[in-house]
Amino acid sequence: MQPLATYRTHAKAHLTLGLPLIGSQLAQVAVQTTDTLMIGWYDVRALAALVLGTSTYLILFIFISGFAWAVTPLVAAAAEHDDEVRIRRVTRMGLWVSLGTGALCLPVFIWSKPILIALGQDPEISQMAQTYLRIAGFGILPGLMVMVLKGYLSALEKTRVQFWVTVGAALANVLVNYLLIFGRFGFPELGIQGAAIASLVVNLVSAIWLALYAIRVFPDHNLFQRLWRPDVEALREVFAMGWQIGLTTVAEVGLFNFSSYVMGWIGTIQLAAHGIALQIATIAFMVQLGLSNAATVRAGRAFGRRDGRALIDGAVAVWLLGFFFACVALVVFLVIPEALMGLFVDPDDPLRGEILAIGSTLLAMAALFQFVDSAQVLGISILRGMQDTRRPMVAAAVSYWLIGAPTTYIFGIVLGWEGVGVWLGLVTGLACAAIYLQARFWALARD
């Protein structure tokens, strides 16, 4: 009975920390979804430009966010020793690297049109995407500041504020989008420029909100005093972990982007069904992602105090939680697949029946996908808490690109299994990553 009680204690701690983070992740999805919906209502060409612009923005943002994610395990470990100096230095250097790298991306946003045209995109849509990025692109700086502060606050187990900030951002995004995209209540009708302004404003407000909260709750950390003072050791640590975390995440995102290209080669209807199924799976994945953030913090604290027993018990507890939520997703995906798919398809669309039929099959695969995705994201996050990032990065690259991408193509195109084959390839790549990450954890935890 003792192990069961221990796991229950760890599970409760993970949920207490993780539920606000899960809510924050879901609210962030709502921000992205409302942008797509509202621009889609405004103009189809503007929607295409928004997709192109945000895809360019996100791939850079995701990579640079690796430096912000590196802050969490480093601060968590320092917090176990009440080392306020190290907490301050690591967080400051996280801001340095994130904002400095983000600033280097600004020319890409400002002169994005020729880059997009060189990549084979339509010139008119590329021009509209550049118009969007010349405004929204500057939001990468406050956006990265938000990521660093979230990592800092998560490590100190202050997660509720992140939920409320993200919910506030989602509501503000809807309001500013409505006013500026469509020109309501005397505001100018700006279309895609309005969406860009909304994105920039929301990032700025979120950064200010979190900064003021951090100053008020942790005044002894003096985060923003003498911000210009460098700390070479902390800078080196954040950079070394951050680029590895960033590349790991980009490798996974890249695999899913590749799967969309493969579905596009199979057919337009299949691609549409795949996009909807992927969006539904992503919403379910936000639960696992929130848990994974909590797992990094809990593992980071146990690692910081060199408590191997707590590290192992906490890992088992969070894996069981992930398995439970994956089971919930499986039941939902298998019981009401057409109802879920139908939320994203116009009832009057003549292709609705075909899209729902294909999508329902893909959701059955997505149900299986939940288990391996849960195992790999929790595994990589626990190892991140243990400050082990290099080998997981290599494992991710091998699993996603040397195994996942080829099997996605072979199953989907060569063997003719189409959408089911594409998703089976995704499952294969993620399963390989999950197996390695589990083995890596147990090897380190038992040392």
Protein backbone atom coordinates (compact mmCIF):
# COMPACT_ATOMS: atom_id res chain seq x y z
CA MET A 1 0.00 0.00 0.00
CA GLN A 2 2.89 2.34 0.66
CA PRO A 3 3.95 2.69 -3.03
CA LEU A 4 0.32 3.36 -4.00
CA ALA A 5 0.03 6.14 -1.41
CA THR A 6 3.34 7.57 -2.62
CA TYR A 7 2.19 7.60 -6.25
CA ARG A 8 -1.09 9.21 -5.19
CA THR A 9 0.82 11.99 -3.42
CA HIS A 10 3.01 12.60 -6.46
CA ALA A 11 0.02 12.49 -8.81
CA LYS A 12 -1.80 15.09 -6.70
CA ALA A 13 1.27 17.33 -6.73
CA HIS A 14 1.58 17.01 -10.51
CA LEU A 15 -2.11 17.83 -11.00
CA THR A 16 -1.96 20.81 -8.63
CA LEU A 17 0.95 22.18 -10.63
CA GLY A 18 -0.19 20.92 -14.02
CA LEU A 19 -3.91 21.76 -14.22
CA PRO A 20 -3.34 25.53 -14.57
CA LEU A 21 -0.66 24.77 -17.18
CA ILE A 22 -3.11 22.53 -19.07
CA GLY A 23 -5.66 25.34 -18.98
CA SER A 24 -3.00 27.76 -20.18
CA GLN A 25 -2.10 25.50 -23.11
CA LEU A 26 -5.77 25.14 -24.10
CA ALA A 27 -6.25 28.91 -23.89
CA GLN A 28 -3.20 29.36 -26.15
CA VAL A 29 -4.80 27.04 -28.71
CA ALA A 30 -7.92 29.21 -28.45
CA VAL A 31 -5.84 32.29 -29.36
CA GLN A 32 -4.52 30.62 -32.51
CA THR A 33 -7.93 29.20 -33.42
CA THR A 34 -9.72 32.55 -33.10
CA ASP A 35 -7.14 34.19 -35.38
CA THR A 36 -7.81 31.56 -38.03
CA LEU A 37 -11.59 31.71 -37.66
CA MET A 38 -11.90 35.50 -37.72
CA ILE A 39 -9.55 36.04 -40.66
CA GLY A 40 -11.32 33.16 -42.43
CA TRP A 41 -14.61 35.00 -42.01
CA TYR A 42 -13.00 38.15 -43.37
CA ASP A 43 -11.24 36.95 -46.54
CA VAL A 44 -9.96 33.61 -47.88
CA ARG A 45 -6.79 35.15 -49.37
CA ALA A 46 -6.06 36.85 -46.06
CA LEU A 47 -6.48 33.48 -44.36
CA ALA A 48 -3.92 31.91 -46.70
CA ALA A 49 -1.51 34.77 -45.94
CA LEU A 50 -2.11 34.37 -42.20
CA VAL A 51 -1.31 30.65 -42.38
CA LEU A 52 1.85 31.40 -44.35
CA GLY A 53 2.91 34.20 -42.01
CA THR A 54 2.22 32.36 -38.76
CA SER A 55 4.00 29.24 -40.06
CA THR A 56 7.11 31.34 -40.71
CA TYR A 57 6.82 33.03 -37.32
CA LEU A 58 6.14 29.87 -35.32
CA ILE A 59 9.03 27.77 -36.62
CA LEU A 60 11.47 30.48 -35.44
CA PHE A 61 9.56 31.15 -32.23
CA ILE A 62 9.48 27.46 -31.32
CA PHE A 63 13.22 27.05 -31.82
CA ILE A 64 14.13 30.14 -29.79
CA SER A 65 11.67 29.12 -27.05
CA GLY A 66 14.12 26.32 -26.30
CA PHE A 67 16.21 28.90 -24.43
CA ALA A 68 13.15 29.81 -22.34
CA TRP A 69 12.37 26.16 -21.63
CA ALA A 70 15.96 25.71 -20.41
CA VAL A 71 15.24 28.21 -17.63
CA THR A 72 12.69 25.91 -15.95
CA PRO A 73 14.92 22.99 -14.87
CA LEU A 74 17.83 25.28 -13.98
CA VAL A 75 15.67 27.52 -11.78
CA ALA A 76 13.85 24.52 -10.25
CA ALA A 77 17.16 22.95 -9.20
CA ALA A 78 18.42 26.27 -7.79
CA ALA A 79 15.16 26.80 -5.89
CA GLU A 80 15.75 23.57 -3.95
CA HIS A 81 18.85 25.21 -2.46
CA ASP A 82 17.21 28.65 -2.01
CA ASP A 83 19.92 30.01 -4.30
CA GLU A 84 18.34 33.35 -5.21
CA VAL A 85 21.49 34.58 -6.95
CA ARG A 86 21.52 31.62 -9.34
CA ILE A 87 17.77 31.91 -9.94
CA ARG A 88 18.22 35.56 -10.91
CA ARG A 89 21.25 34.94 -13.12
CA VAL A 90 19.73 32.00 -15.00
CA THR A 91 16.49 33.88 -15.66
CA ARG A 92 18.30 37.03 -16.79
CA MET A 93 20.52 35.08 -19.16
CA GLY A 94 17.40 33.31 -20.45
CA LEU A 95 16.05 36.75 -21.31
CA TRP A 96 19.37 37.75 -22.88
CA VAL A 97 19.64 34.74 -25.18
CA SER A 98 15.93 34.63 -26.08
CA LEU A 99 15.55 38.33 -26.84
CA GLY A 100 18.92 38.55 -28.59
CA THR A 101 18.15 35.62 -30.88
CA GLY A 102 14.62 36.92 -31.43
CA ALA A 103 16.01 40.28 -32.55
CA LEU A 104 18.09 38.49 -35.19
CA CYS A 105 14.84 37.16 -36.69
CA LEU A 106 13.34 40.60 -37.30
CA PRO A 107 14.98 41.07 -40.74
CA VAL A 108 13.43 37.76 -41.82
CA PHE A 109 9.98 39.11 -40.95
CA ILE A 110 10.58 42.55 -42.46
CA TRP A 111 11.81 41.17 -45.80
CA SER A 112 9.83 37.92 -45.82
CA LYS A 113 8.20 38.38 -49.25
CA PRO A 114 11.25 37.48 -51.38
CA ILE A 115 11.99 34.54 -49.07
CA LEU A 116 8.46 33.17 -49.43
CA ILE A 117 8.46 33.67 -53.20
CA ALA A 118 11.80 31.83 -53.41
CA LEU A 119 10.08 28.96 -51.57
CA GLY A 120 7.47 28.78 -54.32
CA GLN A 121 4.65 30.74 -52.69
CA ASP A 122 2.18 32.94 -54.56
CA PRO A 123 3.52 36.55 -54.88
CA GLU A 124 0.24 38.20 -53.85
CA ILE A 125 -0.18 35.97 -50.80
CA SER A 126 3.51 36.46 -49.95
CA GLN A 127 3.02 40.24 -49.99
CA MET A 128 0.07 39.94 -47.60
CA ALA A 129 2.07 37.60 -45.35
CA GLN A 130 4.91 40.15 -45.27
CA THR A 131 2.43 42.88 -44.32
CA TYR A 132 1.32 40.69 -41.42
CA LEU A 133 4.85 39.79 -40.31
CA ARG A 134 6.12 43.39 -40.42
CA ILE A 135 3.76 44.08 -37.51
CA ALA A 136 3.23 40.75 -35.73
CA GLY A 137 6.90 39.79 -36.11
CA PHE A 138 7.93 42.40 -33.55
CA GLY A 139 5.73 40.50 -31.10
CA ILE A 140 8.38 37.78 -31.00
CA LEU A 141 10.32 39.87 -28.46
CA PRO A 142 7.58 40.24 -25.82
CA GLY A 143 6.38 36.74 -26.75
CA LEU A 144 9.78 35.27 -25.87
CA MET A 145 9.86 37.33 -22.69
CA VAL A 146 6.53 35.71 -21.79
CA MET A 147 8.04 32.26 -22.39
CA VAL A 148 11.05 32.95 -20.14
CA LEU A 149 8.88 34.35 -17.35
CA LYS A 150 6.52 31.38 -17.62
CA GLY A 151 9.49 29.04 -17.29
CA TYR A 152 10.75 30.98 -14.27
CA LEU A 153 7.35 31.05 -12.56
CA SER A 154 6.64 27.38 -13.34
CA ALA A 155 9.92 26.38 -11.70
CA LEU A 156 8.81 28.27 -8.59
CA GLU A 157 5.40 26.53 -8.80
CA LYS A 158 3.46 29.70 -9.60
CA THR A 159 1.28 28.37 -12.42
CA ARG A 160 -2.18 29.83 -11.79
CA VAL A 161 -1.10 33.27 -12.94
CA GLN A 162 -0.05 31.77 -16.27
CA PHE A 163 -3.55 30.40 -16.76
CA TRP A 164 -5.20 33.75 -16.08
CA VAL A 165 -2.73 35.66 -18.23
CA THR A 166 -3.34 33.31 -21.17
CA VAL A 167 -7.12 33.43 -20.72
CA GLY A 168 -6.91 37.22 -20.60
CA ALA A 169 -4.78 37.16 -23.74
CA ALA A 170 -7.31 34.96 -25.52
CA LEU A 171 -10.19 37.30 -24.65
CA ALA A 172 -8.19 40.41 -25.57
CA ASN A 173 -7.21 38.81 -28.86
CA VAL A 174 -10.85 38.20 -29.78
CA LEU A 175 -11.80 41.79 -28.89
CA VAL A 176 -8.93 43.51 -30.73
CA ASN A 177 -9.35 41.20 -33.73
CA TYR A 178 -13.05 42.04 -33.91
CA LEU A 179 -12.43 45.78 -33.67
CA LEU A 180 -9.54 46.00 -36.13
CA ILE A 181 -10.12 43.19 -38.65
CA PHE A 182 -13.72 44.17 -39.34
CA GLY A 183 -13.57 47.86 -38.36
CA ARG A 184 -16.22 47.92 -35.63
CA PHE A 185 -17.23 50.79 -33.29
CA GLY A 186 -15.40 53.44 -35.27
CA PHE A 187 -12.09 51.58 -35.57
CA PRO A 188 -10.55 51.29 -39.05
CA GLU A 189 -11.09 48.08 -41.04
CA LEU A 190 -7.55 46.72 -41.31
CA GLY A 191 -8.06 43.07 -42.22
CA ILE A 192 -4.89 41.03 -41.78
CA GLN A 193 -3.06 44.10 -40.43
CA GLY A 194 -5.65 44.21 -37.65
CA ALA A 195 -4.87 40.60 -36.74
CA ALA A 196 -1.16 41.47 -36.66
CA ILE A 197 -1.76 44.44 -34.34
CA ALA A 198 -3.89 42.24 -32.07
CA SER A 199 -1.08 39.67 -31.87
CA LEU A 200 1.50 42.34 -31.01
CA VAL A 201 -0.72 44.00 -28.39
CA VAL A 202 -1.57 40.69 -26.71
CA ASN A 203 2.11 39.71 -26.47
CA LEU A 204 3.05 43.10 -25.02
CA VAL A 205 0.28 43.08 -22.41
CA SER A 206 1.05 39.48 -21.41
CA ALA A 207 4.76 40.27 -20.96
CA ILE A 208 4.04 43.35 -18.82
CA TRP A 209 1.47 41.44 -16.74
CA LEU A 210 3.87 38.57 -15.97
CA ALA A 211 6.80 40.91 -15.29
CA LEU A 212 4.78 42.95 -12.78
CA TYR A 213 3.58 39.75 -11.11
CA ALA A 214 7.14 38.40 -10.82
CA ILE A 215 8.37 41.68 -9.32
CA ARG A 216 5.52 41.73 -6.78
CA VAL A 217 5.65 38.06 -5.70
CA PHE A 218 9.44 37.60 -5.72
CA PRO A 219 10.89 41.05 -4.93
CA ASP A 220 14.05 39.51 -3.45
CA HIS A 221 15.00 38.04 -6.83
CA ASN A 222 15.51 41.53 -8.32
CA LEU A 223 15.05 40.10 -11.82
CA PHE A 224 15.15 43.37 -13.70
CA GLN A 225 17.80 45.24 -11.70
CA ARG A 226 21.10 45.58 -13.59
CA LEU A 227 19.63 43.48 -16.37
CA TRP A 228 22.56 44.48 -18.58
CA ARG A 229 25.10 42.67 -16.36
CA PRO A 230 26.26 39.42 -18.04
CA ASP A 231 26.93 36.12 -16.30
CA VAL A 232 29.07 33.98 -18.57
CA GLU A 233 28.52 30.69 -16.75
CA ALA A 234 24.72 31.01 -16.62
CA LEU A 235 24.67 32.24 -20.22
CA ARG A 236 26.66 29.20 -21.32
CA GLU A 237 24.32 26.82 -19.46
CA VAL A 238 21.13 28.35 -20.85
CA PHE A 239 22.52 28.42 -24.38
CA ALA A 240 23.84 24.84 -24.23
CA MET A 241 20.53 23.42 -23.03
CA GLY A 242 18.34 25.79 -25.00
CA TRP A 243 19.51 25.09 -28.54
CA GLN A 244 19.23 21.35 -27.90
CA ILE A 245 15.67 21.72 -26.58
CA GLY A 246 14.79 24.01 -29.50
CA LEU A 247 16.10 21.60 -32.12
CA THR A 248 14.29 18.70 -30.44
CA THR A 249 10.99 20.56 -30.62
CA VAL A 250 11.55 21.71 -34.20
CA ALA A 251 12.30 18.11 -35.20
CA GLU A 252 8.91 16.99 -33.89
CA VAL A 253 7.01 19.93 -35.39
CA GLY A 254 8.81 19.31 -38.68
CA LEU A 255 7.62 15.69 -38.73
CA PHE A 256 4.00 16.78 -38.44
CA ASN A 257 4.49 19.38 -41.17
CA PHE A 258 6.01 16.66 -43.37
CA SER A 259 2.98 14.44 -42.73
CA SER A 260 0.75 17.23 -44.08
CA TYR A 261 2.82 17.40 -47.27
CA VAL A 262 2.46 13.62 -47.70
CA MET A 263 -1.31 13.87 -47.19
CA GLY A 264 -1.39 16.64 -49.78
CA TRP A 265 0.25 14.28 -52.29
CA ILE A 266 -2.48 11.72 -51.57
CA GLY A 267 -5.35 14.15 -52.18
CA THR A 268 -7.07 17.40 -51.19
CA ILE A 269 -9.91 15.74 -49.28
CA GLN A 270 -7.46 13.55 -47.39
CA LEU A 271 -5.39 16.62 -46.51
CA ALA A 272 -8.48 18.43 -45.21
CA ALA A 273 -9.47 15.43 -43.07
CA HIS A 274 -5.88 15.11 -41.83
CA GLY A 275 -5.76 18.78 -40.86
CA ILE A 276 -8.95 18.49 -38.82
CA ALA A 277 -7.89 15.24 -37.14
CA LEU A 278 -4.52 16.77 -36.31
CA GLN A 279 -6.21 19.83 -34.78
CA ILE A 280 -8.40 17.60 -32.59
CA ALA A 281 -5.40 15.50 -31.55
CA THR A 282 -3.49 18.71 -30.77
CA ILE A 283 -6.22 19.87 -28.39
CA ALA A 284 -6.01 16.53 -26.55
CA PHE A 285 -2.22 16.80 -26.57
CA MET A 286 -2.40 20.08 -24.66
CA VAL A 287 -3.33 18.03 -21.58
CA GLN A 288 -0.16 15.97 -21.98
CA LEU A 289 1.88 19.12 -22.64
CA GLY A 290 0.63 20.77 -19.46
CA LEU A 291 1.49 17.62 -17.50
CA SER A 292 4.92 17.54 -19.13
CA ASN A 293 5.66 21.08 -17.96
CA ALA A 294 4.75 20.06 -14.43
CA ALA A 295 6.92 16.95 -14.81
CA THR A 296 9.93 19.10 -15.73
CA VAL A 297 9.48 21.20 -12.60
CA ARG A 298 8.96 18.24 -10.26
CA ALA A 299 11.88 16.32 -11.77
CA GLY A 300 14.04 19.45 -11.67
CA ARG A 301 13.39 19.94 -7.96
CA ALA A 302 14.03 16.26 -7.12
CA PHE A 303 17.19 16.37 -9.21
CA GLY A 304 18.29 19.56 -7.49
CA ARG A 305 18.12 17.97 -4.04
CA ARG A 306 19.53 14.65 -5.39
CA ASP A 307 16.43 12.71 -4.30
CA GLY A 308 16.47 9.67 -6.57
CA ARG A 309 13.47 8.00 -4.91
CA ALA A 310 11.25 11.07 -5.41
CA LEU A 311 12.50 11.36 -8.99
CA ILE A 312 11.47 7.79 -9.83
CA ASP A 313 8.15 7.88 -7.94
CA GLY A 314 7.23 11.21 -9.51
CA ALA A 315 8.05 9.94 -13.00
CA VAL A 316 5.93 6.81 -12.55
CA ALA A 317 3.04 8.89 -11.18
CA VAL A 318 3.04 11.35 -14.08
CA TRP A 319 3.32 8.55 -16.64
CA LEU A 320 0.25 6.92 -15.07
CA LEU A 321 -1.59 10.25 -15.24
CA GLY A 322 -0.61 10.61 -18.89
CA PHE A 323 -1.85 7.08 -19.58
CA PHE A 324 -5.18 7.89 -17.90
CA PHE A 325 -5.75 11.02 -19.99
CA ALA A 326 -4.72 9.12 -23.13
CA CYS A 327 -7.42 6.54 -22.29
CA VAL A 328 -9.99 9.34 -21.96
CA ALA A 329 -8.98 10.70 -25.37
CA LEU A 330 -9.16 7.19 -26.87
CA VAL A 331 -12.74 6.71 -25.66
CA VAL A 332 -13.84 10.13 -26.95
CA PHE A 333 -12.15 9.67 -30.34
CA LEU A 334 -13.66 6.20 -30.84
CA VAL A 335 -17.17 6.96 -29.56
CA ILE A 336 -17.94 10.31 -31.25
CA PRO A 337 -15.46 10.74 -34.14
CA GLU A 338 -17.99 12.15 -36.62
CA ALA A 339 -19.35 14.64 -34.08
CA LEU A 340 -15.82 15.93 -33.44
CA MET A 341 -14.93 16.13 -37.13
CA GLY A 342 -18.28 17.76 -37.92
CA LEU A 343 -17.45 20.78 -35.76
CA PHE A 344 -14.86 21.82 -38.35
CA VAL A 345 -16.82 21.18 -41.57
CA ASP A 346 -19.62 23.32 -43.03
CA PRO A 347 -22.91 21.33 -42.85
CA ASP A 348 -23.67 22.40 -46.42
CA ASP A 349 -20.30 21.37 -47.84
CA PRO A 350 -20.89 18.72 -50.54
CA LEU A 351 -17.68 16.96 -49.49
CA ARG A 352 -18.70 16.81 -45.82
CA GLY A 353 -19.61 13.10 -45.88
CA GLU A 354 -16.33 12.05 -47.46
CA ILE A 355 -14.26 14.23 -45.13
CA LEU A 356 -16.06 12.86 -42.06
CA ALA A 357 -15.60 9.25 -43.22
CA ILE A 358 -11.86 9.66 -43.78
CA GLY A 359 -11.44 11.76 -40.65
CA SER A 360 -13.22 9.23 -38.44
CA THR A 361 -10.71 6.58 -39.54
CA LEU A 362 -7.83 8.96 -38.84
CA LEU A 363 -9.19 9.70 -35.36
CA ALA A 364 -9.06 5.97 -34.62
CA MET A 365 -5.34 6.15 -35.41
CA ALA A 366 -5.09 9.36 -33.37
CA ALA A 367 -6.45 7.42 -30.38
CA LEU A 368 -3.45 5.06 -30.60
CA PHE A 369 -1.22 8.06 -31.23
CA GLN A 370 -2.18 9.56 -27.83
CA PHE A 371 -0.38 6.83 -25.89
CA VAL A 372 2.99 7.06 -27.65
CA ASP A 373 2.83 10.86 -27.76
CA SER A 374 2.14 10.95 -24.02
CA ALA A 375 5.04 8.60 -23.28
CA GLN A 376 7.52 10.52 -25.40
CA VAL A 377 6.61 14.07 -24.31
CA LEU A 378 6.60 13.11 -20.62
CA GLY A 379 9.85 11.20 -21.04
CA ILE A 380 11.64 14.07 -22.72
CA SER A 381 10.30 16.54 -20.13
CA ILE A 382 11.42 14.45 -17.16
CA LEU A 383 14.90 14.15 -18.69
CA ARG A 384 14.87 17.91 -19.25
CA GLY A 385 14.22 18.34 -15.54
CA MET A 386 17.31 16.19 -14.98
CA GLN A 387 19.19 18.60 -17.31
CA ASP A 388 19.73 15.79 -19.84
CA THR A 389 19.07 17.28 -23.29
CA ARG A 390 21.80 16.25 -25.73
CA ARG A 391 20.97 12.56 -26.12
CA PRO A 392 17.21 13.20 -26.20
CA MET A 393 17.86 15.68 -29.03
CA VAL A 394 19.76 13.03 -31.03
CA ALA A 395 17.07 10.44 -30.25
CA ALA A 396 14.38 12.85 -31.45
CA ALA A 397 16.20 13.55 -34.72
CA VAL A 398 16.70 9.82 -35.38
CA SER A 399 13.19 8.77 -34.31
CA TYR A 400 11.33 11.54 -36.11
CA TRP A 401 13.38 11.93 -39.28
CA LEU A 402 15.27 8.67 -39.88
CA ILE A 403 12.34 6.49 -38.79
CA GLY A 404 9.12 8.52 -38.59
CA ALA A 405 9.37 10.50 -41.84
CA PRO A 406 10.41 7.53 -44.07
CA THR A 407 7.76 5.21 -42.59
CA THR A 408 5.13 7.93 -43.02
CA TYR A 409 6.00 8.10 -46.73
CA ILE A 410 6.36 4.33 -47.19
CA PHE A 411 3.12 3.43 -45.41
CA GLY A 412 1.13 6.29 -46.93
CA ILE A 413 2.44 6.41 -50.51
CA VAL A 414 4.51 3.33 -51.39
CA LEU A 415 2.23 0.75 -49.73
CA GLY A 416 -0.89 2.76 -50.59
CA TRP A 417 -2.32 2.80 -47.08
CA GLU A 418 -3.01 6.54 -47.55
CA GLY A 419 -4.10 8.46 -44.44
CA VAL A 420 -3.97 5.47 -42.11
CA GLY A 421 -0.43 4.78 -43.31
CA VAL A 422 0.62 8.38 -42.69
CA TRP A 423 -0.64 8.27 -39.11
CA LEU A 424 0.89 4.83 -38.57
CA GLY A 425 4.22 6.34 -39.62
CA LEU A 426 3.76 9.12 -37.05
CA VAL A 427 2.98 6.53 -34.37
CA THR A 428 6.08 4.54 -35.35
CA GLY A 429 8.40 7.54 -35.05
CA LEU A 430 6.96 8.69 -31.74
CA ALA A 431 6.98 5.13 -30.35
CA CYS A 432 10.70 4.78 -31.10
CA ALA A 433 11.37 8.07 -29.32
CA ALA A 434 9.23 7.01 -26.35
CA ILE A 435 11.04 3.67 -25.97
CA TYR A 436 14.48 5.28 -26.02
CA LEU A 437 13.49 8.08 -23.63
CA GLN A 438 12.02 5.61 -21.14
CA ALA A 439 15.19 3.51 -21.28
CA ARG A 440 17.35 6.62 -20.91
CA PHE A 441 15.43 7.75 -17.83
CA TRP A 442 15.73 4.41 -16.06
CA ALA A 443 19.42 4.18 -16.87
CA LEU A 444 20.08 7.61 -15.34
CA ALA A 445 17.67 7.29 -12.41
CA ARG A 446 19.24 4.07 -11.19
CA ASP A 447 22.81 5.37 -11.28
